[in-house]
Amino acid sequence: MPPAPSRALFVLKLAHTLIWLFFALLVCYIPMAAAADAVTPFTWVAAGLVALEGLTLLIFSWHCPLTLLGKRLTHRHTEGFDIYLPGWVARHNKAIFTTIYVLGLALLMWRALA
């Protein structure tokens, strides 16, 4: 028996939030490691994982695949319907974290070439 839509949406939102938290931590780690001149192989792995996330968003027309799945589970499609985040964070998520990531990459490259 498939899970009820409300249960399935809860599981999706929880998973989406945990995945978001993982990538948000990676994005914030990159400029912090570069600023502290503590660049390790993990820093490059983090940058690569975030780049793969960006590629995934690009493939799915700038939508998270979990958001697309969530749209099948409910008719409520307001900002953040598919994740446990405040609406303004969900709405500006890509702009906030892309800016941090790009600045972090620039600092990371500057450290690597210095």
PDB file of N, CA and C in Angstrom:
ATOM      1  N   MET A   1       0.847  -1.186   0.000  1.00  0.00           N
ATOM      2  CA  MET A   1       0.000   0.000   0.000  1.00  0.00           C
ATOM      3  C   MET A   1       0.888   1.243   0.000  1.00  0.00           C
ATOM      4  N   PRO A   2       0.724   2.180  -0.958  1.00  0.00           N
ATOM      5  CA  PRO A   2       1.551   3.385  -0.997  1.00  0.00           C
ATOM      6  C   PRO A   2       1.235   4.300   0.177  1.00  0.00           C
ATOM      7  N   PRO A   3       2.225   5.104   0.583  1.00  0.00           N
ATOM      8  CA  PRO A   3       1.975   6.012   1.706  1.00  0.00           C
ATOM      9  C   PRO A   3       0.955   7.080   1.343  1.00  0.00           C
ATOM     10  N   ALA A   4       0.238   7.560   2.345  1.00  0.00           N
ATOM     11  CA  ALA A   4      -0.730   8.629   2.127  1.00  0.00           C
ATOM     12  C   ALA A   4       0.007   9.873   1.639  1.00  0.00           C
ATOM     13  N   PRO A   5      -0.646  10.687   0.801  1.00  0.00           N
ATOM     14  CA  PRO A   5       0.029  11.875   0.275  1.00  0.00           C
ATOM     15  C   PRO A   5       0.617  12.780   1.364  1.00  0.00           C
ATOM     16  N   SER A   6      -0.091  12.968   2.467  1.00  0.00           N
ATOM     17  CA  SER A   6       0.433  13.848   3.510  1.00  0.00           C
ATOM     18  C   SER A   6       1.679  13.241   4.147  1.00  0.00           C
ATOM     19  N   ARG A   7       1.702  11.939   4.332  1.00  0.00           N
ATOM     20  CA  ARG A   7       2.890  11.260   4.878  1.00  0.00           C
ATOM     21  C   ARG A   7       4.034  11.329   3.864  1.00  0.00           C
ATOM     22  N   ALA A   8       3.725  11.094   2.608  1.00  0.00           N
ATOM     23  CA  ALA A   8       4.748  11.150   1.571  1.00  0.00           C
ATOM     24  C   ALA A   8       5.319  12.565   1.463  1.00  0.00           C
ATOM     25  N   LEU A   9       4.462  13.582   1.573  1.00  0.00           N
ATOM     26  CA  LEU A   9       4.938  14.956   1.506  1.00  0.00           C
ATOM     27  C   LEU A   9       5.817  15.280   2.713  1.00  0.00           C
ATOM     28  N   PHE A  10       5.444  14.789   3.887  1.00  0.00           N
ATOM     29  CA  PHE A  10       6.277  14.986   5.081  1.00  0.00           C
ATOM     30  C   PHE A  10       7.662  14.382   4.873  1.00  0.00           C
ATOM     31  N   VAL A  11       7.725  13.169   4.376  1.00  0.00           N
ATOM     32  CA  VAL A  11       9.010  12.493   4.144  1.00  0.00           C
ATOM     33  C   VAL A  11       9.820  13.258   3.103  1.00  0.00           C
ATOM     34  N   LEU A  12       9.160  13.693   2.042  1.00  0.00           N
ATOM     35  CA  LEU A  12       9.846  14.468   1.002  1.00  0.00           C
ATOM     36  C   LEU A  12      10.398  15.770   1.576  1.00  0.00           C
ATOM     37  N   LYS A  13       9.578  16.496   2.353  1.00  0.00           N
ATOM     38  CA  LYS A  13      10.028  17.760   2.926  1.00  0.00           C
ATOM     39  C   LYS A  13      11.204  17.554   3.876  1.00  0.00           C
ATOM     40  N   LEU A  14      11.149  16.496   4.662  1.00  0.00           N
ATOM     41  CA  LEU A  14      12.233  16.205   5.593  1.00  0.00           C
ATOM     42  C   LEU A  14      13.515  15.867   4.830  1.00  0.00           C
ATOM     43  N   ALA A  15      13.415  15.008   3.836  1.00  0.00           N
ATOM     44  CA  ALA A  15      14.585  14.638   3.033  1.00  0.00           C
ATOM     45  C   ALA A  15      15.140  15.863   2.305  1.00  0.00           C
ATOM     46  N   HIS A  16      14.248  16.671   1.727  1.00  0.00           N
ATOM     47  CA  HIS A  16      14.670  17.858   0.995  1.00  0.00           C
ATOM     48  C   HIS A  16      15.397  18.833   1.928  1.00  0.00           C
ATOM     49  N   THR A  17      14.875  18.997   3.131  1.00  0.00           N
ATOM     50  CA  THR A  17      15.494  19.892   4.108  1.00  0.00           C
ATOM     51  C   THR A  17      16.875  19.398   4.517  1.00  0.00           C
ATOM     52  N   LEU A  18      17.016  18.109   4.735  1.00  0.00           N
ATOM     53  CA  LEU A  18      18.317  17.555   5.122  1.00  0.00           C
ATOM     54  C   LEU A  18      19.332  17.677   3.985  1.00  0.00           C
ATOM     55  N   ILE A  19      18.892  17.434   2.767  1.00  0.00           N
ATOM     56  CA  ILE A  19      19.786  17.584   1.609  1.00  0.00           C
ATOM     57  C   ILE A  19      20.164  19.050   1.443  1.00  0.00           C
ATOM     58  N   TRP A  20      19.194  19.949   1.600  1.00  0.00           N
ATOM     59  CA  TRP A  20      19.471  21.383   1.522  1.00  0.00           C
ATOM     60  C   TRP A  20      20.503  21.785   2.575  1.00  0.00           C
ATOM     61  N   LEU A  21      20.329  21.290   3.798  1.00  0.00           N
ATOM     62  CA  LEU A  21      21.259  21.612   4.880  1.00  0.00           C
ATOM     63  C   LEU A  21      22.670  21.134   4.545  1.00  0.00           C
ATOM     64  N   PHE A  22      22.783  19.937   4.004  1.00  0.00           N
ATOM     65  CA  PHE A  22      24.082  19.396   3.605  1.00  0.00           C
ATOM     66  C   PHE A  22      24.772  20.328   2.608  1.00  0.00           C
ATOM     67  N   PHE A  23      24.044  20.719   1.560  1.00  0.00           N
ATOM     68  CA  PHE A  23      24.644  21.585   0.540  1.00  0.00           C
ATOM     69  C   PHE A  23      24.874  23.005   1.059  1.00  0.00           C
ATOM     70  N   ALA A  24      23.995  23.508   1.914  1.00  0.00           N
ATOM     71  CA  ALA A  24      24.205  24.835   2.500  1.00  0.00           C
ATOM     72  C   ALA A  24      25.481  24.846   3.340  1.00  0.00           C
ATOM     73  N   LEU A  25      25.717  23.785   4.089  1.00  0.00           N
ATOM     74  CA  LEU A  25      26.946  23.695   4.883  1.00  0.00           C
ATOM     75  C   LEU A  25      28.178  23.632   3.980  1.00  0.00           C
ATOM     76  N   LEU A  26      28.094  22.867   2.898  1.00  0.00           N
ATOM     77  CA  LEU A  26      29.217  22.809   1.964  1.00  0.00           C
ATOM     78  C   LEU A  26      29.502  24.183   1.359  1.00  0.00           C
ATOM     79  N   VAL A  27      28.449  24.863   0.934  1.00  0.00           N
ATOM     80  CA  VAL A  27      28.617  26.177   0.315  1.00  0.00           C
ATOM     81  C   VAL A  27      29.265  27.151   1.298  1.00  0.00           C
ATOM     82  N   CYS A  28      28.846  27.121   2.548  1.00  0.00           N
ATOM     83  CA  CYS A  28      29.414  28.025   3.555  1.00  0.00           C
ATOM     84  C   CYS A  28      30.824  27.609   3.962  1.00  0.00           C
ATOM     85  N   TYR A  29      31.112  26.332   3.904  1.00  0.00           N
ATOM     86  CA  TYR A  29      32.442  25.825   4.267  1.00  0.00           C
ATOM     87  C   TYR A  29      33.517  26.320   3.288  1.00  0.00           C
ATOM     88  N   ILE A  30      33.190  26.376   2.022  1.00  0.00           N
ATOM     89  CA  ILE A  30      34.188  26.711   0.986  1.00  0.00           C
ATOM     90  C   ILE A  30      34.835  28.076   1.230  1.00  0.00           C
ATOM     91  N   PRO A  31      34.078  29.167   1.373  1.00  0.00           N
ATOM     92  CA  PRO A  31      34.751  30.450   1.618  1.00  0.00           C
ATOM     93  C   PRO A  31      35.418  30.521   2.981  1.00  0.00           C
ATOM     94  N   MET A  32      34.857  29.812   3.967  1.00  0.00           N
ATOM     95  CA  MET A  32      35.480  29.823   5.290  1.00  0.00           C
ATOM     96  C   MET A  32      36.838  29.131   5.253  1.00  0.00           C
ATOM     97  N   ALA A  33      36.929  28.000   4.583  1.00  0.00           N
ATOM     98  CA  ALA A  33      38.205  27.286   4.470  1.00  0.00           C
ATOM     99  C   ALA A  33      39.213  28.125   3.682  1.00  0.00           C
ATOM    100  N   ALA A  34      38.745  28.756   2.615  1.00  0.00           N
ATOM    101  CA  ALA A  34      39.645  29.582   1.811  1.00  0.00           C
ATOM    102  C   ALA A  34      40.109  30.804   2.595  1.00  0.00           C
ATOM    103  N   ALA A  35      39.208  31.434   3.310  1.00  0.00           N
ATOM    104  CA  ALA A  35      39.567  32.630   4.083  1.00  0.00           C
ATOM    105  C   ALA A  35      40.567  32.291   5.185  1.00  0.00           C
ATOM    106  N   ALA A  36      40.431  31.107   5.766  1.00  0.00           N
ATOM    107  CA  ALA A  36      41.333  30.685   6.844  1.00  0.00           C
ATOM    108  C   ALA A  36      42.620  30.066   6.300  1.00  0.00           C
ATOM    109  N   ASP A  37      42.750  30.020   4.987  1.00  0.00           N
ATOM    110  CA  ASP A  37      43.883  29.365   4.333  1.00  0.00           C
ATOM    111  C   ASP A  37      44.036  27.928   4.836  1.00  0.00           C
ATOM    112  N   ALA A  38      42.890  27.271   4.955  1.00  0.00           N
ATOM    113  CA  ALA A  38      42.844  25.879   5.421  1.00  0.00           C
ATOM    114  C   ALA A  38      42.254  24.989   4.327  1.00  0.00           C
ATOM    115  N   VAL A  39      42.706  25.195   3.115  1.00  0.00           N
ATOM    116  CA  VAL A  39      42.194  24.444   1.970  1.00  0.00           C
ATOM    117  C   VAL A  39      42.780  23.034   2.002  1.00  0.00           C
ATOM    118  N   THR A  40      41.900  22.060   1.936  1.00  0.00           N
ATOM    119  CA  THR A  40      42.279  20.647   1.936  1.00  0.00           C
ATOM    120  C   THR A  40      41.627  19.985   0.728  1.00  0.00           C
ATOM    121  N   PRO A  41      41.958  18.724   0.481  1.00  0.00           N
ATOM    122  CA  PRO A  41      41.242  18.032  -0.604  1.00  0.00           C
ATOM    123  C   PRO A  41      39.723  18.024  -0.398  1.00  0.00           C
ATOM    124  N   PHE A  42      39.270  18.001   0.858  1.00  0.00           N
ATOM    125  CA  PHE A  42      37.828  18.038   1.116  1.00  0.00           C
ATOM    126  C   PHE A  42      37.212  19.330   0.595  1.00  0.00           C
ATOM    127  N   THR A  43      37.941  20.429   0.654  1.00  0.00           N
ATOM    128  CA  THR A  43      37.431  21.703   0.150  1.00  0.00           C
ATOM    129  C   THR A  43      37.119  21.592  -1.339  1.00  0.00           C
ATOM    130  N   TRP A  44      38.009  20.947  -2.076  1.00  0.00           N
ATOM    131  CA  TRP A  44      37.788  20.752  -3.510  1.00  0.00           C
ATOM    132  C   TRP A  44      36.646  19.779  -3.775  1.00  0.00           C
ATOM    133  N   VAL A  45      36.524  18.749  -2.944  1.00  0.00           N
ATOM    134  CA  VAL A  45      35.398  17.812  -3.070  1.00  0.00           C
ATOM    135  C   VAL A  45      34.088  18.555  -2.824  1.00  0.00           C
ATOM    136  N   ALA A  46      34.069  19.397  -1.799  1.00  0.00           N
ATOM    137  CA  ALA A  46      32.869  20.189  -1.504  1.00  0.00           C
ATOM    138  C   ALA A  46      32.503  21.067  -2.694  1.00  0.00           C
ATOM    139  N   ALA A  47      33.498  21.732  -3.275  1.00  0.00           N
ATOM    140  CA  ALA A  47      33.242  22.585  -4.438  1.00  0.00           C
ATOM    141  C   ALA A  47      32.696  21.770  -5.608  1.00  0.00           C
ATOM    142  N   GLY A  48      33.233  20.579  -5.793  1.00  0.00           N
ATOM    143  CA  GLY A  48      32.760  19.713  -6.874  1.00  0.00           C
ATOM    144  C   GLY A  48      31.342  19.219  -6.637  1.00  0.00           C
ATOM    145  N   LEU A  49      31.022  18.862  -5.402  1.00  0.00           N
ATOM    146  CA  LEU A  49      29.663  18.400  -5.092  1.00  0.00           C
ATOM    147  C   LEU A  49      28.646  19.514  -5.324  1.00  0.00           C
ATOM    148  N   VAL A  50      28.996  20.728  -4.935  1.00  0.00           N
ATOM    149  CA  VAL A  50      28.085  21.855  -5.157  1.00  0.00           C
ATOM    150  C   VAL A  50      27.948  22.133  -6.655  1.00  0.00           C
ATOM    151  N   ALA A  51      29.030  21.991  -7.397  1.00  0.00           N
ATOM    152  CA  ALA A  51      28.950  22.163  -8.851  1.00  0.00           C
ATOM    153  C   ALA A  51      28.020  21.107  -9.464  1.00  0.00           C
ATOM    154  N   LEU A  52      28.087  19.881  -8.969  1.00  0.00           N
ATOM    155  CA  LEU A  52      27.176  18.827  -9.467  1.00  0.00           C
ATOM    156  C   LEU A  52      25.726  19.152  -9.123  1.00  0.00           C
ATOM    157  N   GLU A  53      25.512  19.729  -7.963  1.00  0.00           N
ATOM    158  CA  GLU A  53      24.159  20.155  -7.603  1.00  0.00           C
ATOM    159  C   GLU A  53      23.684  21.224  -8.586  1.00  0.00           C
ATOM    160  N   GLY A  54      24.564  22.166  -8.919  1.00  0.00           N
ATOM    161  CA  GLY A  54      24.216  23.198  -9.893  1.00  0.00           C
ATOM    162  C   GLY A  54      23.901  22.614 -11.259  1.00  0.00           C
ATOM    163  N   LEU A  55      24.669  21.615 -11.665  1.00  0.00           N
ATOM    164  CA  LEU A  55      24.412  20.938 -12.936  1.00  0.00           C
ATOM    165  C   LEU A  55      23.044  20.241 -12.914  1.00  0.00           C
ATOM    166  N   THR A  56      22.718  19.641 -11.784  1.00  0.00           N
ATOM    167  CA  THR A  56      21.405  18.999 -11.635  1.00  0.00           C
ATOM    168  C   THR A  56      20.295  20.026 -11.792  1.00  0.00           C
ATOM    169  N   LEU A  57      20.447  21.179 -11.152  1.00  0.00           N
ATOM    170  CA  LEU A  57      19.440  22.234 -11.289  1.00  0.00           C
ATOM    171  C   LEU A  57      19.341  22.712 -12.733  1.00  0.00           C
ATOM    172  N   LEU A  58      20.474  22.842 -13.392  1.00  0.00           N
ATOM    173  CA  LEU A  58      20.487  23.259 -14.793  1.00  0.00           C
ATOM    174  C   LEU A  58      19.723  22.256 -15.664  1.00  0.00           C
ATOM    175  N   ILE A  59      19.966  20.976 -15.435  1.00  0.00           N
ATOM    176  CA  ILE A  59      19.297  19.921 -16.213  1.00  0.00           C
ATOM    177  C   ILE A  59      17.783  19.967 -16.017  1.00  0.00           C
ATOM    178  N   PHE A  60      17.354  20.304 -14.787  1.00  0.00           N
ATOM    179  CA  PHE A  60      15.926  20.327 -14.473  1.00  0.00           C
ATOM    180  C   PHE A  60      15.343  21.741 -14.548  1.00  0.00           C
ATOM    181  N   SER A  61      15.877  22.556 -15.449  1.00  0.00           N
ATOM    182  CA  SER A  61      15.362  23.914 -15.700  1.00  0.00           C
ATOM    183  C   SER A  61      15.306  24.756 -14.431  1.00  0.00           C
ATOM    184  N   TRP A  62      16.365  24.704 -13.640  1.00  0.00           N
ATOM    185  CA  TRP A  62      16.527  25.474 -12.405  1.00  0.00           C
ATOM    186  C   TRP A  62      15.514  25.113 -11.335  1.00  0.00           C
ATOM    187  N   HIS A  63      14.993  23.878 -11.391  1.00  0.00           N
ATOM    188  CA  HIS A  63      14.121  23.363 -10.341  1.00  0.00           C
ATOM    189  C   HIS A  63      14.778  22.147  -9.716  1.00  0.00           C
ATOM    190  N   CYS A  64      14.646  22.034  -8.413  1.00  0.00           N
ATOM    191  CA  CYS A  64      15.139  20.833  -7.742  1.00  0.00           C
ATOM    192  C   CYS A  64      14.230  19.662  -8.124  1.00  0.00           C
ATOM    193  N   PRO A  65      14.806  18.502  -8.423  1.00  0.00           N
ATOM    194  CA  PRO A  65      13.970  17.343  -8.745  1.00  0.00           C
ATOM    195  C   PRO A  65      12.990  16.991  -7.613  1.00  0.00           C
ATOM    196  N   LEU A  66      13.374  17.277  -6.374  1.00  0.00           N
ATOM    197  CA  LEU A  66      12.467  16.996  -5.257  1.00  0.00           C
ATOM    198  C   LEU A  66      11.264  17.945  -5.271  1.00  0.00           C
ATOM    199  N   THR A  67      11.449  19.158  -5.733  1.00  0.00           N
ATOM    200  CA  THR A  67      10.331  20.089  -5.872  1.00  0.00           C
ATOM    201  C   THR A  67       9.356  19.570  -6.928  1.00  0.00           C
ATOM    202  N   LEU A  68       9.893  19.086  -8.030  1.00  0.00           N
ATOM    203  CA  LEU A  68       9.040  18.541  -9.084  1.00  0.00           C
ATOM    204  C   LEU A  68       8.261  17.327  -8.576  1.00  0.00           C
ATOM    205  N   LEU A  69       8.924  16.500  -7.783  1.00  0.00           N
ATOM    206  CA  LEU A  69       8.242  15.353  -7.181  1.00  0.00           C
ATOM    207  C   LEU A  69       7.180  15.828  -6.196  1.00  0.00           C
ATOM    208  N   GLY A  70       7.500  16.836  -5.406  1.00  0.00           N
ATOM    209  CA  GLY A  70       6.551  17.366  -4.432  1.00  0.00           C
ATOM    210  C   GLY A  70       5.298  17.916  -5.077  1.00  0.00           C
ATOM    211  N   LYS A  71       5.436  18.462  -6.264  1.00  0.00           N
ATOM    212  CA  LYS A  71       4.272  19.015  -6.964  1.00  0.00           C
ATOM    213  C   LYS A  71       3.254  17.932  -7.313  1.00  0.00           C
ATOM    214  N   ARG A  72       3.711  16.704  -7.360  1.00  0.00           N
ATOM    215  CA  ARG A  72       2.789  15.587  -7.626  1.00  0.00           C
ATOM    216  C   ARG A  72       2.025  15.173  -6.364  1.00  0.00           C
ATOM    217  N   LEU A  73       2.531  15.601  -5.216  1.00  0.00           N
ATOM    218  CA  LEU A  73       1.955  15.148  -3.953  1.00  0.00           C
ATOM    219  C   LEU A  73       0.951  16.117  -3.350  1.00  0.00           C
ATOM    220  N   THR A  74       0.912  17.360  -3.850  1.00  0.00           N
ATOM    221  CA  THR A  74       0.000  18.346  -3.287  1.00  0.00           C
ATOM    222  C   THR A  74      -0.365  19.376  -4.350  1.00  0.00           C
ATOM    223  N   HIS A  75      -1.477  20.028  -4.121  1.00  0.00           N
ATOM    224  CA  HIS A  75      -1.888  21.102  -5.020  1.00  0.00           C
ATOM    225  C   HIS A  75      -1.388  22.456  -4.517  1.00  0.00           C
ATOM    226  N   ARG A  76      -0.830  22.490  -3.319  1.00  0.00           N
ATOM    227  CA  ARG A  76      -0.305  23.718  -2.720  1.00  0.00           C
ATOM    228  C   ARG A  76       1.137  23.902  -3.196  1.00  0.00           C
ATOM    229  N   HIS A  77       1.360  24.877  -4.054  1.00  0.00           N
ATOM    230  CA  HIS A  77       2.682  25.073  -4.644  1.00  0.00           C
ATOM    231  C   HIS A  77       3.263  26.442  -4.296  1.00  0.00           C
ATOM    232  N   THR A  78       3.026  26.920  -3.087  1.00  0.00           N
ATOM    233  CA  THR A  78       3.605  28.182  -2.651  1.00  0.00           C
ATOM    234  C   THR A  78       5.094  27.985  -2.395  1.00  0.00           C
ATOM    235  N   GLU A  79       5.839  29.088  -2.276  1.00  0.00           N
ATOM    236  CA  GLU A  79       7.272  29.001  -2.006  1.00  0.00           C
ATOM    237  C   GLU A  79       7.496  28.183  -0.739  1.00  0.00           C
ATOM    238  N   GLY A  80       8.365  27.205  -0.835  1.00  0.00           N
ATOM    239  CA  GLY A  80       8.723  26.401   0.316  1.00  0.00           C
ATOM    240  C   GLY A  80       7.734  25.310   0.671  1.00  0.00           C
ATOM    241  N   PHE A  81       6.797  25.003  -0.209  1.00  0.00           N
ATOM    242  CA  PHE A  81       5.821  23.960   0.091  1.00  0.00           C
ATOM    243  C   PHE A  81       6.485  22.594   0.252  1.00  0.00           C
ATOM    244  N   ASP A  82       7.677  22.452  -0.296  1.00  0.00           N
ATOM    245  CA  ASP A  82       8.340  21.150  -0.378  1.00  0.00           C
ATOM    246  C   ASP A  82       9.562  21.042   0.529  1.00  0.00           C
ATOM    247  N   ILE A  83       9.733  22.020   1.442  1.00  0.00           N
ATOM    248  CA  ILE A  83      10.922  22.038   2.290  1.00  0.00           C
ATOM    249  C   ILE A  83      10.587  22.797   3.573  1.00  0.00           C
ATOM    250  N   TYR A  84      11.247  22.413   4.651  1.00  0.00           N
ATOM    251  CA  TYR A  84      11.028  23.095   5.927  1.00  0.00           C
ATOM    252  C   TYR A  84      11.996  24.271   6.060  1.00  0.00           C
ATOM    253  N   LEU A  85      11.698  25.339   5.329  1.00  0.00           N
ATOM    254  CA  LEU A  85      12.460  26.584   5.378  1.00  0.00           C
ATOM    255  C   LEU A  85      11.474  27.734   5.389  1.00  0.00           C
ATOM    256  N   PRO A  86      11.877  28.865   5.962  1.00  0.00           N
ATOM    257  CA  PRO A  86      11.007  30.048   5.835  1.00  0.00           C
ATOM    258  C   PRO A  86      10.816  30.387   4.355  1.00  0.00           C
ATOM    259  N   GLY A  87       9.660  30.915   4.024  1.00  0.00           N
ATOM    260  CA  GLY A  87       9.349  31.224   2.631  1.00  0.00           C
ATOM    261  C   GLY A  87      10.370  32.125   1.967  1.00  0.00           C
ATOM    262  N   TRP A  88      10.860  33.147   2.678  1.00  0.00           N
ATOM    263  CA  TRP A  88      11.826  34.072   2.054  1.00  0.00           C
ATOM    264  C   TRP A  88      13.136  33.371   1.748  1.00  0.00           C
ATOM    265  N   VAL A  89      13.530  32.392   2.579  1.00  0.00           N
ATOM    266  CA  VAL A  89      14.757  31.645   2.297  1.00  0.00           C
ATOM    267  C   VAL A  89      14.536  30.761   1.071  1.00  0.00           C
ATOM    268  N   ALA A  90      13.409  30.076   1.032  1.00  0.00           N
ATOM    269  CA  ALA A  90      13.099  29.224  -0.123  1.00  0.00           C
ATOM    270  C   ALA A  90      13.032  30.060  -1.399  1.00  0.00           C
ATOM    271  N   ARG A  91      12.469  31.252  -1.294  1.00  0.00           N
ATOM    272  CA  ARG A  91      12.303  32.124  -2.463  1.00  0.00           C
ATOM    273  C   ARG A  91      13.645  32.638  -2.985  1.00  0.00           C
ATOM    274  N   HIS A  92      14.567  32.957  -2.103  1.00  0.00           N
ATOM    275  CA  HIS A  92      15.845  33.558  -2.504  1.00  0.00           C
ATOM    276  C   HIS A  92      17.029  32.605  -2.366  1.00  0.00           C
ATOM    277  N   ASN A  93      16.745  31.357  -2.149  1.00  0.00           N
ATOM    278  CA  ASN A  93      17.757  30.336  -1.901  1.00  0.00           C
ATOM    279  C   ASN A  93      18.863  30.310  -2.955  1.00  0.00           C
ATOM    280  N   LYS A  94      18.485  30.253  -4.202  1.00  0.00           N
ATOM    281  CA  LYS A  94      19.484  30.149  -5.282  1.00  0.00           C
ATOM    282  C   LYS A  94      20.366  31.395  -5.340  1.00  0.00           C
ATOM    283  N   ALA A  95      19.779  32.569  -5.200  1.00  0.00           N
ATOM    284  CA  ALA A  95      20.560  33.807  -5.252  1.00  0.00           C
ATOM    285  C   ALA A  95      21.524  33.900  -4.072  1.00  0.00           C
ATOM    286  N   ILE A  96      21.058  33.572  -2.890  1.00  0.00           N
ATOM    287  CA  ILE A  96      21.891  33.655  -1.688  1.00  0.00           C
ATOM    288  C   ILE A  96      23.080  32.708  -1.799  1.00  0.00           C
ATOM    289  N   PHE A  97      22.794  31.440  -2.049  1.00  0.00           N
ATOM    290  CA  PHE A  97      23.858  30.441  -2.009  1.00  0.00           C
ATOM    291  C   PHE A  97      24.732  30.440  -3.257  1.00  0.00           C
ATOM    292  N   THR A  98      24.203  30.882  -4.392  1.00  0.00           N
ATOM    293  CA  THR A  98      25.053  31.018  -5.581  1.00  0.00           C
ATOM    294  C   THR A  98      26.074  32.125  -5.351  1.00  0.00           C
ATOM    295  N   THR A  99      25.653  33.224  -4.744  1.00  0.00           N
ATOM    296  CA  THR A  99      26.571  34.325  -4.454  1.00  0.00           C
ATOM    297  C   THR A  99      27.678  33.873  -3.504  1.00  0.00           C
ATOM    298  N   ILE A 100      27.301  33.199  -2.435  1.00  0.00           N
ATOM    299  CA  ILE A 100      28.296  32.704  -1.479  1.00  0.00           C
ATOM    300  C   ILE A 100      29.247  31.722  -2.161  1.00  0.00           C
ATOM    301  N   TYR A 101      28.700  30.839  -2.976  1.00  0.00           N
ATOM    302  CA  TYR A 101      29.510  29.827  -3.658  1.00  0.00           C
ATOM    303  C   TYR A 101      30.502  30.465  -4.633  1.00  0.00           C
ATOM    304  N   VAL A 102      30.033  31.394  -5.445  1.00  0.00           N
ATOM    305  CA  VAL A 102      30.913  32.033  -6.435  1.00  0.00           C
ATOM    306  C   VAL A 102      32.012  32.832  -5.738  1.00  0.00           C
ATOM    307  N   LEU A 103      31.660  33.575  -4.705  1.00  0.00           N
ATOM    308  CA  LEU A 103      32.684  34.307  -3.954  1.00  0.00           C
ATOM    309  C   LEU A 103      33.661  33.349  -3.289  1.00  0.00           C
ATOM    310  N   GLY A 104      33.138  32.249  -2.750  1.00  0.00           N
ATOM    311  CA  GLY A 104      33.999  31.241  -2.147  1.00  0.00           C
ATOM    312  C   GLY A 104      34.931  30.606  -3.155  1.00  0.00           C
ATOM    313  N   LEU A 105      34.412  30.312  -4.343  1.00  0.00           N
ATOM    314  CA  LEU A 105      35.264  29.745  -5.397  1.00  0.00           C
ATOM    315  C   LEU A 105      36.348  30.728  -5.819  1.00  0.00           C
ATOM    316  N   ALA A 106      35.984  32.003  -5.927  1.00  0.00           N
ATOM    317  CA  ALA A 106      36.972  33.016  -6.304  1.00  0.00           C
ATOM    318  C   ALA A 106      38.090  33.083  -5.259  1.00  0.00           C
ATOM    319  N   LEU A 107      37.719  33.077  -3.993  1.00  0.00           N
ATOM    320  CA  LEU A 107      38.719  33.096  -2.928  1.00  0.00           C
ATOM    321  C   LEU A 107      39.537  31.808  -2.918  1.00  0.00           C
ATOM    322  N   LEU A 108      38.872  30.700  -3.178  1.00  0.00           N
ATOM    323  CA  LEU A 108      39.552  29.411  -3.230  1.00  0.00           C
ATOM    324  C   LEU A 108      40.585  29.391  -4.365  1.00  0.00           C
ATOM    325  N   MET A 109      40.200  29.887  -5.521  1.00  0.00           N
ATOM    326  CA  MET A 109      41.126  29.929  -6.651  1.00  0.00           C
ATOM    327  C   MET A 109      42.288  30.885  -6.368  1.00  0.00           C
ATOM    328  N   TRP A 110      41.983  32.023  -5.742  1.00  0.00           N
ATOM    329  CA  TRP A 110      43.032  32.976  -5.390  1.00  0.00           C
ATOM    330  C   TRP A 110      44.030  32.336  -4.451  1.00  0.00           C
ATOM    331  N   ARG A 111      43.533  31.569  -3.460  1.00  0.00           N
ATOM    332  CA  ARG A 111      44.436  30.871  -2.532  1.00  0.00           C
ATOM    333  C   ARG A 111      45.257  29.813  -3.263  1.00  0.00           C
ATOM    334  N   ALA A 112      44.623  29.117  -4.180  1.00  0.00           N
ATOM    335  CA  ALA A 112      45.313  28.034  -4.890  1.00  0.00           C
ATOM    336  C   ALA A 112      46.415  28.574  -5.806  1.00  0.00           C
ATOM    337  N   LEU A 113      46.184  29.754  -6.383  1.00  0.00           N
ATOM    338  CA  LEU A 113      47.152  30.313  -7.322  1.00  0.00           C
ATOM    339  C   LEU A 113      48.184  31.208  -6.635  1.00  0.00           C
ATOM    340  N   ALA A 114      47.960  31.526  -5.375  1.00  0.00           N
ATOM    341  CA  ALA A 114      48.909  32.400  -4.654  1.00  0.00           C
ATOM    342  C   ALA A 114      50.140  31.635  -4.189  1.00  0.00           C
TER     343      ALA A 114
END
